[in-house]
Amino acid sequence: MRDLLLFALIGGGCIYTLRQPWFGAILWTWVSVMNPHRQAFGFMHDAPVAMAVAVFALGAAAVTRQKRSPFVDPSVSVLAAFVVYVCIVFPFSLYVDESKEMLTKVLKIDLMIFVSIAVLIEKKHIHWFVATMVFSLVFFGVKGGIFTVLGGGSQRVWGPGGFIGGNNEIALALITVIPFSYYLYTVAKNKWIRRVLVVSILLTAIAAIGSQSRGALLGLVAMGGFLWYRSDKKLPIGMAMIAFGIALVAFMPESWTDRMSTIRTYEQDGSAMGRINAWIMCWNLALDRPIGGGFEIYGPAEFFRYAPDPNDIHAAHSIYFQILGEQGWLGLILWLAIWVYTWRAAGWLRRVGRESEDTQWCSQLGSMCQVAIVGFGAGGAFLSLAYFDLPYNILVTVVCTKRWLMDRRSELKLKAPQFGRQYSVLP
């Protein structure tokens, strides 16, 4: 029954995409982030769902006139440069054949990012996109939060598979999506929807904590600190955060407290030292090979040559060292530039969106995008999720909202020439 329902939903969505190309971006986001077909147990479980959705979305975007150039912000141009660079250095990878699968996955994700930016034009498109992104992860957040509460936090929350299969990976995804849940709460009109969002935010945060991921805890602290810094009510918000921290420590079991305490005593923790060993390996590899070693560099040979401890083999466990080791110094510079420009564009939305009541939602969304970047940037320092869809969906949200706001400002200037003199249209 579940397989038939998913087949009907995804098949119907593909057909609807032929009429409304923007819906292809929504459908792709749902399938790529949530992997709903993996929740089935029959023929849909291993069906090439992502490929089918991508074909329909690409086909519809190719023939429709309902699209715009995706190159509306420097972040998109730098992303394109990064993709070209990855393709150029790929033939020089240490293990070309073994890396082809990952290259295909990365190129597919990036291609759909460009398609999404091109077809998500209207305000409703952007809100559908954000809502889909939130639902795709909060679904697991609510389940994980309930699991944590009922079990007293004694067992870890794990992800559904794919990029976010582990406890650390699902935790980072959950904390990154919380700011978008809050944004939907701020713009929702229906009181029941707002109540559901509040509950889902709380359960999602509990699920992230219940994963027992130290990176997720650091990401939550970073987001909380950033929100406190931005707030005009620092004292009450600070007190609320302290109260939440005390309640958290009181509720979670001793095993959780012991694990989190290793953040201070990382020298005594084998997992933490293994990550540092992997970071040094990536650093030394990039010094020896400035263009990086490609996607598959986490084997015995690389650790024997570049790591302090050749027997302690780990994945990069850091989005920054992952890019450095795999794509080299120029790849890291380009990748970091993507997020610098995205941050600036989100800040422009936050400032300029205040000019009109009609555009306030852009300011709120830009602010939450920055909070999400802080969370992902802090938590991602300890996880290998540099190619995961979610952060690139933040870029899509920022760029599409910026284009909408620029168009809206142009319309308002025609009606009221004094509008918008305070800010330029550039970030």
Foldseek 3Di string as FASTA:
>chain_A
DLQVVVCCVLVVLLVVCLVQLLSLLLSLLLCQLQVSLCVDDDDSNPDPSNVSSLVSSVVSLVPDPQWDQLPQFVLLVLLVVLLVLQVVCLVVFPDNVVQPVVNVVLVSLNVSLRSNLTNQADPVSLVSNLVSLLCSLLVLLLVLLVVCQVVLLPAARADSDDQGGGLLSSLLSLVLSLLSLVLCLVPDDDPVSNVVSVSSSVSSNSNSLSNLHLLSVQLVVQLLVVVLVPDPPNVVSVVVVVVVVVVVVVRHDPVSVVSNVCVVVVVPDPVSVLLVQLLQLLVQQCVVPQQANAQPQQDLVSSVVGGPDSVSTDQNQAQQSNQCRHGHDVSSVSLVVSVVRLLVLLVVQLVQLVLDPVSNSSNSLSVSLNSSCSSCNRSRRRHHCNSRSVNSSSSSSSSSSLSNVVVVQVVVCVVPVVGPPVDDSHD
